[in-house]
Amino acid sequence: MAADHNRILADIGKKIFHPVYLLHGEEPYYIDLISDALENNVLSDIEKEFNLSVLYGRDVDARAIADQCKRYPMMASHQVVIIKEGQDVKSYDDLIPYIGNPLNSTLLVICYKYRKFDKRKQFYKLIEKKGICFESGRIYEEKVPAWINSQVAAAGYGINTKASSMIADALGSDLSKISNELSKLYINIPKGSEINEKHVEENIGISKDYNFFELQKAIAARDILKANRITMYFASNPKDNPLVKNVILLFSFFSKLLVFQTMKGKPDGEVAAALGMTSSYFLSDYKTASRHYSLAKIADIIGLLRQYDLKSKGLDSGSTSEGELIRELIYKILH
């Protein structure tokens, strides 16, 4: 059976278990979340001593996994067998007979990270019938602020737009890292509070004044002084503000601005949907930028960003430092 992570976690909380879990996909966060829930909620601490086995794909083969799964639990209702880095198991073919007739007292959890399992395989189709297949899809960077908002709301907090954008811009789409940083905020801020940029700066260490969110606003308004000030900060801290990340974010902004310019006169809701936004509230920067950048200028900037994407990868950049490249790029965008 295929299921989403919320349903799987809810079932684990209700002690509804399945004999086999195949957790696969490009995003490791949910794979770890479900695996940890099974590791921590099926067995008591005492039961784990005899009934929890954590194996690594590089160290075992399918036959050894099958042998482990055929054991019966000792003084517990279940045994839990977790295969970490399951993508390193060379072949799962020797597990097929076991998957066809698994023990209900064994929970086999296969963590197959960073890529999808081949759904055409007999092994996968058997698990769909006998257990749970969960695909942890990659979340794209433009969706990260919305993901942060949902995580914060589920934890009983609010968060303003600037704070969520600051976190997303600084940490990218690394959901595990974002989750860890949000935990720091929860510890230090009363439940029910709205998280703002000051909280993020004080507890996570991301500057509320020198971040991509503020750079985008400055570029949108063609505020050269503010944009140069932020760019100088980025140039002096290239490890925390790599050129490639800024190029990707700027490319996303100007690509959406191009669409925005072609939809002038359309209702805000329709424009927001076309840009992949959950609310027209987020259109303000695009409305501002549309007054400063013509279609021709936007097209030139997108071409420029393609050039600097290559430079960020070491092509045609010579001995120019990343700091110099980011300053050069922003100057060309603004002039």
C-alpha atoms as a PDB file:
ATOM      1  CA  MET A   1       0.000   0.000   0.000  1.00  0.00           C
ATOM      2  CA  ALA A   2       1.150   3.553  -0.728  1.00  0.00           C
ATOM      3  CA  ALA A   3       0.552   6.096   2.040  1.00  0.00           C
ATOM      4  CA  ASP A   4       1.525   9.605   3.056  1.00  0.00           C
ATOM      5  CA  HIS A   5       3.771  10.274   6.030  1.00  0.00           C
ATOM      6  CA  ASN A   6       0.997  11.720   8.210  1.00  0.00           C
ATOM      7  CA  ARG A   7      -1.103   8.590   7.908  1.00  0.00           C
ATOM      8  CA  ILE A   8       1.879   6.323   8.574  1.00  0.00           C
ATOM      9  CA  LEU A   9       2.866   8.299  11.675  1.00  0.00           C
ATOM     10  CA  ALA A  10      -0.741   8.375  12.909  1.00  0.00           C
ATOM     11  CA  ASP A  11      -0.983   4.581  12.518  1.00  0.00           C
ATOM     12  CA  ILE A  12       2.280   4.081  14.416  1.00  0.00           C
ATOM     13  CA  GLY A  13       0.889   6.227  17.227  1.00  0.00           C
ATOM     14  CA  LYS A  14      -2.207   3.987  17.311  1.00  0.00           C
ATOM     15  CA  LYS A  15      -0.015   0.826  17.311  1.00  0.00           C
ATOM     16  CA  ILE A  16      -1.197  -0.129  13.815  1.00  0.00           C
ATOM     17  CA  PHE A  17       1.833  -1.763  12.237  1.00  0.00           C
ATOM     18  CA  HIS A  18       2.698  -3.455   8.942  1.00  0.00           C
ATOM     19  CA  PRO A  19       5.216  -6.260   8.399  1.00  0.00           C
ATOM     20  CA  VAL A  20       7.273  -4.385   5.784  1.00  0.00           C
ATOM     21  CA  TYR A  21       8.003  -0.692   5.207  1.00  0.00           C
ATOM     22  CA  LEU A  22       9.878   0.465   2.103  1.00  0.00           C
ATOM     23  CA  LEU A  23      10.792   4.119   2.638  1.00  0.00           C
ATOM     24  CA  HIS A  24      12.433   5.512  -0.485  1.00  0.00           C
ATOM     25  CA  GLY A  25      13.004   8.750  -2.373  1.00  0.00           C
ATOM     26  CA  GLU A  26      15.211  11.791  -2.824  1.00  0.00           C
ATOM     27  CA  GLU A  27      14.279  13.554   0.438  1.00  0.00           C
ATOM     28  CA  PRO A  28      15.788  11.785   3.489  1.00  0.00           C
ATOM     29  CA  TYR A  29      13.892  13.830   6.099  1.00  0.00           C
ATOM     30  CA  TYR A  30      10.627  11.875   6.022  1.00  0.00           C
ATOM     31  CA  ILE A  31      12.429   8.555   5.702  1.00  0.00           C
ATOM     32  CA  ASP A  32      14.278   9.296   8.953  1.00  0.00           C
ATOM     33  CA  LEU A  33      11.096  10.618  10.590  1.00  0.00           C
ATOM     34  CA  ILE A  34       9.148   7.409   9.947  1.00  0.00           C
ATOM     35  CA  SER A  35      12.089   5.116  10.725  1.00  0.00           C
ATOM     36  CA  ASP A  36      12.705   6.908  14.029  1.00  0.00           C
ATOM     37  CA  ALA A  37       9.011   6.668  14.921  1.00  0.00           C
ATOM     38  CA  LEU A  38       9.083   2.905  14.392  1.00  0.00           C
ATOM     39  CA  GLU A  39      12.350   2.539  16.296  1.00  0.00           C
ATOM     40  CA  ASN A  40      11.037   4.536  19.260  1.00  0.00           C
ATOM     41  CA  ASN A  41       7.370   3.563  19.494  1.00  0.00           C
ATOM     42  CA  VAL A  42       7.063  -0.178  18.839  1.00  0.00           C
ATOM     43  CA  LEU A  43       9.290  -1.530  21.626  1.00  0.00           C
ATOM     44  CA  SER A  44       9.998  -0.466  25.186  1.00  0.00           C
ATOM     45  CA  ASP A  45      13.600   0.262  26.152  1.00  0.00           C
ATOM     46  CA  ILE A  46      13.897  -3.174  27.762  1.00  0.00           C
ATOM     47  CA  GLU A  47      12.350  -4.935  24.734  1.00  0.00           C
ATOM     48  CA  LYS A  48      14.781  -3.182  22.385  1.00  0.00           C
ATOM     49  CA  GLU A  49      17.749  -5.029  23.911  1.00  0.00           C
ATOM     50  CA  PHE A  50      16.631  -8.305  22.331  1.00  0.00           C
ATOM     51  CA  ASN A  51      14.251  -7.251  19.576  1.00  0.00           C
ATOM     52  CA  LEU A  52      15.739  -4.244  17.769  1.00  0.00           C
ATOM     53  CA  SER A  53      18.260  -4.842  14.995  1.00  0.00           C
ATOM     54  CA  VAL A  54      19.762  -1.912  13.075  1.00  0.00           C
ATOM     55  CA  LEU A  55      21.702  -3.092  10.015  1.00  0.00           C
ATOM     56  CA  TYR A  56      23.510  -1.140   7.285  1.00  0.00           C
ATOM     57  CA  GLY A  57      23.110  -1.866   3.588  1.00  0.00           C
ATOM     58  CA  ARG A  58      26.827  -1.962   2.904  1.00  0.00           C
ATOM     59  CA  ASP A  59      27.315  -4.656   5.576  1.00  0.00           C
ATOM     60  CA  VAL A  60      24.482  -7.095   4.771  1.00  0.00           C
ATOM     61  CA  ASP A  61      22.919  -8.856   1.822  1.00  0.00           C
ATOM     62  CA  ALA A  62      19.289  -9.767   1.208  1.00  0.00           C
ATOM     63  CA  ARG A  63      19.737 -13.324   2.497  1.00  0.00           C
ATOM     64  CA  ALA A  64      21.125 -12.099   5.828  1.00  0.00           C
ATOM     65  CA  ILE A  65      18.203  -9.670   6.131  1.00  0.00           C
ATOM     66  CA  ALA A  66      15.736 -12.486   5.458  1.00  0.00           C
ATOM     67  CA  ASP A  67      17.374 -14.688   8.125  1.00  0.00           C
ATOM     68  CA  GLN A  68      17.106 -11.851  10.656  1.00  0.00           C
ATOM     69  CA  CYS A  69      13.452 -11.258   9.799  1.00  0.00           C
ATOM     70  CA  LYS A  70      12.543 -14.932  10.344  1.00  0.00           C
ATOM     71  CA  ARG A  71      13.489 -14.755  14.034  1.00  0.00           C
ATOM     72  CA  TYR A  72      10.691 -14.569  16.568  1.00  0.00           C
ATOM     73  CA  PRO A  73      10.607 -11.800  19.184  1.00  0.00           C
ATOM     74  CA  MET A  74      11.801 -12.496  22.743  1.00  0.00           C
ATOM     75  CA  MET A  75       9.379 -11.408  25.460  1.00  0.00           C
ATOM     76  CA  ALA A  76       7.760  -8.848  23.162  1.00  0.00           C
ATOM     77  CA  SER A  77       4.999  -8.724  20.583  1.00  0.00           C
ATOM     78  CA  HIS A  78       7.341  -7.673  17.765  1.00  0.00           C
ATOM     79  CA  GLN A  79      10.908  -7.478  16.629  1.00  0.00           C
ATOM     80  CA  VAL A  80      11.994  -4.476  14.559  1.00  0.00           C
ATOM     81  CA  VAL A  81      14.619  -4.824  11.829  1.00  0.00           C
ATOM     82  CA  ILE A  82      15.790  -1.492  10.381  1.00  0.00           C
ATOM     83  CA  ILE A  83      17.983  -1.402   7.279  1.00  0.00           C
ATOM     84  CA  LYS A  84      19.805   1.929   7.195  1.00  0.00           C
ATOM     85  CA  GLU A  85      21.270   3.055   3.841  1.00  0.00           C
ATOM     86  CA  GLY A  86      19.180   0.386   2.149  1.00  0.00           C
ATOM     87  CA  GLN A  87      20.216   1.706  -1.263  1.00  0.00           C
ATOM     88  CA  ASP A  88      23.601   0.036  -0.641  1.00  0.00           C
ATOM     89  CA  VAL A  89      22.142  -3.493  -0.606  1.00  0.00           C
ATOM     90  CA  LYS A  90      23.296  -4.980  -3.911  1.00  0.00           C
ATOM     91  CA  SER A  91      20.103  -6.925  -4.677  1.00  0.00           C
ATOM     92  CA  TYR A  92      16.867  -7.598  -2.859  1.00  0.00           C
ATOM     93  CA  ASP A  93      15.963 -10.687  -4.887  1.00  0.00           C
ATOM     94  CA  ASP A  94      16.756 -13.136  -2.065  1.00  0.00           C
ATOM     95  CA  LEU A  95      14.210 -11.297   0.111  1.00  0.00           C
ATOM     96  CA  ILE A  96      11.341 -11.890  -2.317  1.00  0.00           C
ATOM     97  CA  PRO A  97      10.255 -15.272  -0.803  1.00  0.00           C
ATOM     98  CA  TYR A  98      10.142 -13.698   2.667  1.00  0.00           C
ATOM     99  CA  ILE A  99       8.204 -10.602   1.482  1.00  0.00           C
ATOM    100  CA  GLY A 100       5.688 -12.944  -0.113  1.00  0.00           C
ATOM    101  CA  ASN A 101       4.946 -14.466   3.297  1.00  0.00           C
ATOM    102  CA  PRO A 102       6.276 -12.145   6.024  1.00  0.00           C
ATOM    103  CA  LEU A 103       5.982 -12.718   9.763  1.00  0.00           C
ATOM    104  CA  ASN A 104       3.442 -10.400  11.378  1.00  0.00           C
ATOM    105  CA  SER A 105       5.657 -10.316  14.467  1.00  0.00           C
ATOM    106  CA  THR A 106       8.550  -8.751  12.486  1.00  0.00           C
ATOM    107  CA  LEU A 107       8.574  -5.158  11.286  1.00  0.00           C
ATOM    108  CA  LEU A 108      11.116  -4.804   8.480  1.00  0.00           C
ATOM    109  CA  VAL A 109      11.945  -1.149   7.753  1.00  0.00           C
ATOM    110  CA  ILE A 110      14.035  -0.472   4.631  1.00  0.00           C
ATOM    111  CA  CYS A 111      15.447   3.081   4.410  1.00  0.00           C
ATOM    112  CA  TYR A 112      16.333   3.526   0.739  1.00  0.00           C
ATOM    113  CA  LYS A 113      17.599   7.103   0.496  1.00  0.00           C
ATOM    114  CA  TYR A 114      18.396   9.724  -2.149  1.00  0.00           C
ATOM    115  CA  ARG A 115      16.689   7.972  -5.044  1.00  0.00           C
ATOM    116  CA  LYS A 116      13.500   6.172  -5.937  1.00  0.00           C
ATOM    117  CA  PHE A 117      13.157   2.406  -5.801  1.00  0.00           C
ATOM    118  CA  ASP A 118      12.294   0.872  -9.184  1.00  0.00           C
ATOM    119  CA  LYS A 119       8.516   0.394  -8.998  1.00  0.00           C
ATOM    120  CA  ARG A 120       8.596  -2.139 -11.833  1.00  0.00           C
ATOM    121  CA  LYS A 121      10.466  -4.642  -9.676  1.00  0.00           C
ATOM    122  CA  GLN A 122       8.649  -7.671  -8.272  1.00  0.00           C
ATOM    123  CA  PHE A 123      10.079  -6.802  -4.848  1.00  0.00           C
ATOM    124  CA  TYR A 124       8.371  -3.393  -4.870  1.00  0.00           C
ATOM    125  CA  LYS A 125       5.050  -4.772  -6.099  1.00  0.00           C
ATOM    126  CA  LEU A 126       5.060  -7.407  -3.359  1.00  0.00           C
ATOM    127  CA  ILE A 127       5.623  -4.806  -0.651  1.00  0.00           C
ATOM    128  CA  GLU A 128       2.713  -2.765  -2.054  1.00  0.00           C
ATOM    129  CA  LYS A 129       0.507  -5.805  -1.379  1.00  0.00           C
ATOM    130  CA  LYS A 130       1.988  -6.896   1.934  1.00  0.00           C
ATOM    131  CA  GLY A 131       3.117  -3.678   3.595  1.00  0.00           C
ATOM    132  CA  ILE A 132       3.785   0.039   3.101  1.00  0.00           C
ATOM    133  CA  CYS A 133       5.607   1.805   0.265  1.00  0.00           C
ATOM    134  CA  PHE A 134       6.328   5.444   0.996  1.00  0.00           C
ATOM    135  CA  GLU A 135       8.041   7.739  -1.484  1.00  0.00           C
ATOM    136  CA  SER A 136       9.698  10.791   0.073  1.00  0.00           C
ATOM    137  CA  GLY A 137       9.680  13.310  -2.753  1.00  0.00           C
ATOM    138  CA  ARG A 138      12.109  16.186  -3.020  1.00  0.00           C
ATOM    139  CA  ILE A 139      10.775  19.600  -1.980  1.00  0.00           C
ATOM    140  CA  TYR A 140      11.796  22.435  -4.278  1.00  0.00           C
ATOM    141  CA  GLU A 141      13.296  25.598  -2.834  1.00  0.00           C
ATOM    142  CA  GLU A 142      10.351  27.846  -3.703  1.00  0.00           C
ATOM    143  CA  LYS A 143       8.088  25.571  -1.617  1.00  0.00           C
ATOM    144  CA  VAL A 144      10.328  25.636   1.475  1.00  0.00           C
ATOM    145  CA  PRO A 145       8.829  28.770   3.126  1.00  0.00           C
ATOM    146  CA  ALA A 146       5.342  27.206   2.926  1.00  0.00           C
ATOM    147  CA  TRP A 147       6.766  23.977   4.390  1.00  0.00           C
ATOM    148  CA  ILE A 148       8.323  25.965   7.247  1.00  0.00           C
ATOM    149  CA  ASN A 149       4.987  27.678   7.887  1.00  0.00           C
ATOM    150  CA  SER A 150       3.182  24.325   8.112  1.00  0.00           C
ATOM    151  CA  GLN A 151       5.811  22.824  10.434  1.00  0.00           C
ATOM    152  CA  VAL A 152       5.703  25.849  12.729  1.00  0.00           C
ATOM    153  CA  ALA A 153       1.892  25.819  12.810  1.00  0.00           C
ATOM    154  CA  ALA A 154       1.872  22.108  13.666  1.00  0.00           C
ATOM    155  CA  ALA A 155       4.218  22.851  16.578  1.00  0.00           C
ATOM    156  CA  GLY A 156       1.806  25.471  17.934  1.00  0.00           C
ATOM    157  CA  TYR A 157       3.547  28.647  16.766  1.00  0.00           C
ATOM    158  CA  GLY A 158       3.175  31.292  14.087  1.00  0.00           C
ATOM    159  CA  ILE A 159       5.899  32.766  11.892  1.00  0.00           C
ATOM    160  CA  ASN A 160       5.985  35.919   9.789  1.00  0.00           C
ATOM    161  CA  THR A 161       6.886  35.992   6.098  1.00  0.00           C
ATOM    162  CA  LYS A 162      10.312  37.530   6.535  1.00  0.00           C
ATOM    163  CA  ALA A 163      11.364  35.020   9.201  1.00  0.00           C
ATOM    164  CA  SER A 164      10.350  31.977   7.136  1.00  0.00           C
ATOM    165  CA  SER A 165      12.052  33.438   4.044  1.00  0.00           C
ATOM    166  CA  MET A 166      15.236  34.126   6.018  1.00  0.00           C
ATOM    167  CA  ILE A 167      15.394  30.501   7.179  1.00  0.00           C
ATOM    168  CA  ALA A 168      14.638  29.131   3.702  1.00  0.00           C
ATOM    169  CA  ASP A 169      17.197  31.398   2.017  1.00  0.00           C
ATOM    170  CA  ALA A 170      19.921  30.485   4.526  1.00  0.00           C
ATOM    171  CA  LEU A 171      19.314  26.735   4.764  1.00  0.00           C
ATOM    172  CA  GLY A 172      17.951  25.879   1.321  1.00  0.00           C
ATOM    173  CA  SER A 173      15.879  22.702   1.041  1.00  0.00           C
ATOM    174  CA  ASP A 174      17.710  20.703   3.717  1.00  0.00           C
ATOM    175  CA  LEU A 175      14.584  19.778   5.706  1.00  0.00           C
ATOM    176  CA  SER A 176      16.487  17.980   8.461  1.00  0.00           C
ATOM    177  CA  LYS A 177      18.659  21.031   9.099  1.00  0.00           C
ATOM    178  CA  ILE A 178      15.652  23.352   9.012  1.00  0.00           C
ATOM    179  CA  SER A 179      13.792  21.116  11.472  1.00  0.00           C
ATOM    180  CA  ASN A 180      16.771  21.152  13.846  1.00  0.00           C
ATOM    181  CA  GLU A 181      17.004  24.952  13.678  1.00  0.00           C
ATOM    182  CA  LEU A 182      13.266  25.338  14.271  1.00  0.00           C
ATOM    183  CA  SER A 183      13.675  23.179  17.398  1.00  0.00           C
ATOM    184  CA  LYS A 184      16.041  25.824  18.780  1.00  0.00           C
ATOM    185  CA  LEU A 185      13.336  28.428  18.318  1.00  0.00           C
ATOM    186  CA  TYR A 186      10.708  26.281  20.068  1.00  0.00           C
ATOM    187  CA  ILE A 187      12.971  25.881  23.099  1.00  0.00           C
ATOM    188  CA  ASN A 188      13.506  29.623  23.511  1.00  0.00           C
ATOM    189  CA  ILE A 189      10.135  31.085  22.512  1.00  0.00           C
ATOM    190  CA  PRO A 190       6.839  30.621  24.422  1.00  0.00           C
ATOM    191  CA  LYS A 191       4.357  28.337  22.683  1.00  0.00           C
ATOM    192  CA  GLY A 192       1.727  30.230  20.745  1.00  0.00           C
ATOM    193  CA  SER A 193       4.102  33.091  19.903  1.00  0.00           C
ATOM    194  CA  GLU A 194       4.746  34.382  16.382  1.00  0.00           C
ATOM    195  CA  ILE A 195       8.352  33.819  15.328  1.00  0.00           C
ATOM    196  CA  ASN A 196       9.848  36.933  13.768  1.00  0.00           C
ATOM    197  CA  GLU A 197      13.151  37.927  12.152  1.00  0.00           C
ATOM    198  CA  LYS A 198      14.631  39.000  15.498  1.00  0.00           C
ATOM    199  CA  HIS A 199      13.992  35.526  16.956  1.00  0.00           C
ATOM    200  CA  VAL A 200      15.668  33.961  13.917  1.00  0.00           C
ATOM    201  CA  GLU A 201      18.684  36.239  14.209  1.00  0.00           C
ATOM    202  CA  GLU A 202      19.123  35.657  17.953  1.00  0.00           C
ATOM    203  CA  ASN A 203      18.506  31.894  18.031  1.00  0.00           C
ATOM    204  CA  ILE A 204      19.714  30.650  14.639  1.00  0.00           C
ATOM    205  CA  GLY A 205      22.313  33.285  13.826  1.00  0.00           C
ATOM    206  CA  ILE A 206      20.886  34.440  10.481  1.00  0.00           C
ATOM    207  CA  SER A 207      21.162  38.197  10.021  1.00  0.00           C
ATOM    208  CA  LYS A 208      17.803  39.966   9.731  1.00  0.00           C
ATOM    209  CA  ASP A 209      19.367  42.741   7.627  1.00  0.00           C
ATOM    210  CA  TYR A 210      21.840  40.849   5.432  1.00  0.00           C
ATOM    211  CA  ASN A 211      20.020  37.971   3.747  1.00  0.00           C
ATOM    212  CA  PHE A 212      18.578  37.138   0.342  1.00  0.00           C
ATOM    213  CA  PHE A 213      15.075  38.221   1.372  1.00  0.00           C
ATOM    214  CA  GLU A 214      16.374  41.770   1.911  1.00  0.00           C
ATOM    215  CA  LEU A 215      18.569  41.633  -1.211  1.00  0.00           C
ATOM    216  CA  GLN A 216      15.570  40.642  -3.330  1.00  0.00           C
ATOM    217  CA  LYS A 217      13.532  43.546  -1.949  1.00  0.00           C
ATOM    218  CA  ALA A 218      16.407  45.962  -2.653  1.00  0.00           C
ATOM    219  CA  ILE A 219      16.839  44.675  -6.204  1.00  0.00           C
ATOM    220  CA  ALA A 220      13.071  44.786  -6.796  1.00  0.00           C
ATOM    221  CA  ALA A 221      13.008  48.458  -5.717  1.00  0.00           C
ATOM    222  CA  ARG A 222      16.289  49.139  -7.536  1.00  0.00           C
ATOM    223  CA  ASP A 223      17.632  50.459  -4.236  1.00  0.00           C
ATOM    224  CA  ILE A 224      21.288  50.505  -5.284  1.00  0.00           C
ATOM    225  CA  LEU A 225      22.691  51.630  -1.938  1.00  0.00           C
ATOM    226  CA  LYS A 226      20.930  48.913   0.074  1.00  0.00           C
ATOM    227  CA  ALA A 227      21.649  46.216  -2.527  1.00  0.00           C
ATOM    228  CA  ASN A 228      25.356  47.138  -2.564  1.00  0.00           C
ATOM    229  CA  ARG A 229      25.522  47.061   1.233  1.00  0.00           C
ATOM    230  CA  ILE A 230      24.049  43.545   1.339  1.00  0.00           C
ATOM    231  CA  THR A 231      26.220  42.416  -1.566  1.00  0.00           C
ATOM    232  CA  MET A 232      29.365  43.606   0.231  1.00  0.00           C
ATOM    233  CA  TYR A 233      28.308  41.548   3.265  1.00  0.00           C
ATOM    234  CA  PHE A 234      27.760  38.482   1.052  1.00  0.00           C
ATOM    235  CA  ALA A 235      31.126  39.023  -0.630  1.00  0.00           C
ATOM    236  CA  SER A 236      32.877  39.089   2.743  1.00  0.00           C
ATOM    237  CA  ASN A 237      31.102  35.870   3.831  1.00  0.00           C
ATOM    238  CA  PRO A 238      31.200  33.670   0.694  1.00  0.00           C
ATOM    239  CA  LYS A 239      30.946  30.369   2.606  1.00  0.00           C
ATOM    240  CA  ASP A 240      27.611  31.393   4.098  1.00  0.00           C
ATOM    241  CA  ASN A 241      26.438  33.093   0.904  1.00  0.00           C
ATOM    242  CA  PRO A 242      27.768  31.041  -2.032  1.00  0.00           C
ATOM    243  CA  LEU A 243      27.419  32.495  -5.510  1.00  0.00           C
ATOM    244  CA  VAL A 244      25.619  29.426  -6.869  1.00  0.00           C
ATOM    245  CA  LYS A 245      22.830  29.714  -4.264  1.00  0.00           C
ATOM    246  CA  ASN A 246      22.284  33.397  -5.009  1.00  0.00           C
ATOM    247  CA  VAL A 247      22.255  32.768  -8.755  1.00  0.00           C
ATOM    248  CA  ILE A 248      19.583  30.072  -8.330  1.00  0.00           C
ATOM    249  CA  LEU A 249      17.406  32.325  -6.147  1.00  0.00           C
ATOM    250  CA  LEU A 250      17.803  35.312  -8.463  1.00  0.00           C
ATOM    251  CA  PHE A 251      17.003  33.150 -11.482  1.00  0.00           C
ATOM    252  CA  SER A 252      13.792  32.022  -9.762  1.00  0.00           C
ATOM    253  CA  PHE A 253      12.849  35.630  -8.965  1.00  0.00           C
ATOM    254  CA  PHE A 254      13.464  37.032 -12.437  1.00  0.00           C
ATOM    255  CA  SER A 255      11.863  34.046 -14.177  1.00  0.00           C
ATOM    256  CA  LYS A 256       8.706  34.690 -12.153  1.00  0.00           C
ATOM    257  CA  LEU A 257       8.987  38.420 -12.812  1.00  0.00           C
ATOM    258  CA  LEU A 258       9.017  37.651 -16.539  1.00  0.00           C
ATOM    259  CA  VAL A 259       5.723  35.740 -16.154  1.00  0.00           C
ATOM    260  CA  PHE A 260       4.330  38.529 -13.969  1.00  0.00           C
ATOM    261  CA  GLN A 261       5.080  41.140 -16.628  1.00  0.00           C
ATOM    262  CA  THR A 262       3.203  39.125 -19.255  1.00  0.00           C
ATOM    263  CA  MET A 263       0.127  38.861 -16.978  1.00  0.00           C
ATOM    264  CA  LYS A 264      -0.382  42.546 -16.194  1.00  0.00           C
ATOM    265  CA  GLY A 265      -4.074  43.305 -15.742  1.00  0.00           C
ATOM    266  CA  LYS A 266      -4.928  39.778 -14.606  1.00  0.00           C
ATOM    267  CA  PRO A 267      -6.453  39.236 -11.124  1.00  0.00           C
ATOM    268  CA  ASP A 268      -3.872  38.846  -8.332  1.00  0.00           C
ATOM    269  CA  GLY A 269      -5.127  35.362  -7.472  1.00  0.00           C
ATOM    270  CA  GLU A 270      -4.631  34.166 -11.044  1.00  0.00           C
ATOM    271  CA  VAL A 271      -1.134  35.675 -11.198  1.00  0.00           C
ATOM    272  CA  ALA A 272      -0.157  34.144  -7.842  1.00  0.00           C
ATOM    273  CA  ALA A 273      -1.337  30.711  -9.015  1.00  0.00           C
ATOM    274  CA  ALA A 274       0.675  31.045 -12.236  1.00  0.00           C
ATOM    275  CA  LEU A 275       3.773  31.845 -10.155  1.00  0.00           C
ATOM    276  CA  GLY A 276       3.194  28.846  -7.870  1.00  0.00           C
ATOM    277  CA  MET A 277       2.371  31.020  -4.850  1.00  0.00           C
ATOM    278  CA  THR A 278      -0.134  30.084  -2.169  1.00  0.00           C
ATOM    279  CA  SER A 279      -1.295  33.687  -1.721  1.00  0.00           C
ATOM    280  CA  SER A 280      -1.322  36.967  -3.642  1.00  0.00           C
ATOM    281  CA  TYR A 281       0.257  38.501  -0.514  1.00  0.00           C
ATOM    282  CA  PHE A 282       3.653  37.443  -1.895  1.00  0.00           C
ATOM    283  CA  LEU A 283       3.274  39.496  -5.093  1.00  0.00           C
ATOM    284  CA  SER A 284       4.466  42.787  -3.569  1.00  0.00           C
ATOM    285  CA  ASP A 285       8.111  42.453  -4.664  1.00  0.00           C
ATOM    286  CA  TYR A 286       7.002  41.555  -8.195  1.00  0.00           C
ATOM    287  CA  LYS A 287       4.685  44.578  -8.390  1.00  0.00           C
ATOM    288  CA  THR A 288       7.549  46.803  -7.268  1.00  0.00           C
ATOM    289  CA  ALA A 289      10.064  45.197  -9.632  1.00  0.00           C
ATOM    290  CA  SER A 290       7.690  45.426 -12.604  1.00  0.00           C
ATOM    291  CA  ARG A 291       8.020  49.229 -12.433  1.00  0.00           C
ATOM    292  CA  HIS A 292      11.812  49.060 -12.662  1.00  0.00           C
ATOM    293  CA  TYR A 293      12.528  46.178 -15.072  1.00  0.00           C
ATOM    294  CA  SER A 294      11.199  45.954 -18.614  1.00  0.00           C
ATOM    295  CA  LEU A 295      10.673  42.650 -20.406  1.00  0.00           C
ATOM    296  CA  ALA A 296      13.861  43.283 -22.412  1.00  0.00           C
ATOM    297  CA  LYS A 297      15.885  44.008 -19.247  1.00  0.00           C
ATOM    298  CA  ILE A 298      14.519  40.880 -17.532  1.00  0.00           C
ATOM    299  CA  ALA A 299      15.493  38.772 -20.539  1.00  0.00           C
ATOM    300  CA  ASP A 300      19.017  40.259 -20.404  1.00  0.00           C
ATOM    301  CA  ILE A 301      19.257  39.508 -16.661  1.00  0.00           C
ATOM    302  CA  ILE A 302      18.168  35.884 -17.150  1.00  0.00           C
ATOM    303  CA  GLY A 303      20.891  35.511 -19.776  1.00  0.00           C
ATOM    304  CA  LEU A 304      23.353  37.114 -17.373  1.00  0.00           C
ATOM    305  CA  LEU A 305      22.375  34.685 -14.612  1.00  0.00           C
ATOM    306  CA  ARG A 306      23.017  31.740 -16.935  1.00  0.00           C
ATOM    307  CA  GLN A 307      26.549  33.076 -17.493  1.00  0.00           C
ATOM    308  CA  TYR A 308      27.171  33.460 -13.770  1.00  0.00           C
ATOM    309  CA  ASP A 309      25.787  30.003 -13.104  1.00  0.00           C
ATOM    310  CA  LEU A 310      28.649  28.692 -15.259  1.00  0.00           C
ATOM    311  CA  LYS A 311      31.119  30.993 -13.480  1.00  0.00           C
ATOM    312  CA  SER A 312      29.913  29.682 -10.099  1.00  0.00           C
ATOM    313  CA  LYS A 313      30.917  26.220 -11.331  1.00  0.00           C
ATOM    314  CA  GLY A 314      34.412  27.413 -12.254  1.00  0.00           C
ATOM    315  CA  LEU A 315      33.848  27.943 -15.983  1.00  0.00           C
ATOM    316  CA  ASP A 316      35.093  31.194 -17.564  1.00  0.00           C
ATOM    317  CA  SER A 317      35.693  32.776 -14.156  1.00  0.00           C
ATOM    318  CA  GLY A 318      39.497  32.810 -14.305  1.00  0.00           C
ATOM    319  CA  SER A 319      40.985  33.697 -10.929  1.00  0.00           C
ATOM    320  CA  THR A 320      38.048  35.939  -9.934  1.00  0.00           C
ATOM    321  CA  SER A 321      36.885  35.231  -6.386  1.00  0.00           C
ATOM    322  CA  GLU A 322      33.260  34.415  -5.522  1.00  0.00           C
ATOM    323  CA  GLY A 323      33.004  37.697  -3.633  1.00  0.00           C
ATOM    324  CA  GLU A 324      34.066  39.676  -6.704  1.00  0.00           C
ATOM    325  CA  LEU A 325      31.690  37.687  -8.910  1.00  0.00           C
ATOM    326  CA  ILE A 326      28.647  38.386  -6.725  1.00  0.00           C
ATOM    327  CA  ARG A 327      29.476  42.102  -6.619  1.00  0.00           C
ATOM    328  CA  GLU A 328      29.941  42.120 -10.399  1.00  0.00           C
ATOM    329  CA  LEU A 329      26.652  40.272 -10.961  1.00  0.00           C
ATOM    330  CA  ILE A 330      24.535  42.559  -8.787  1.00  0.00           C
ATOM    331  CA  TYR A 331      26.096  45.658 -10.387  1.00  0.00           C
ATOM    332  CA  LYS A 332      25.160  44.384 -13.858  1.00  0.00           C
ATOM    333  CA  ILE A 333      21.599  43.581 -12.751  1.00  0.00           C
ATOM    334  CA  LEU A 334      21.065  47.049 -11.287  1.00  0.00           C
ATOM    335  CA  HIS A 335      22.655  49.070 -14.119  1.00  0.00           C
END
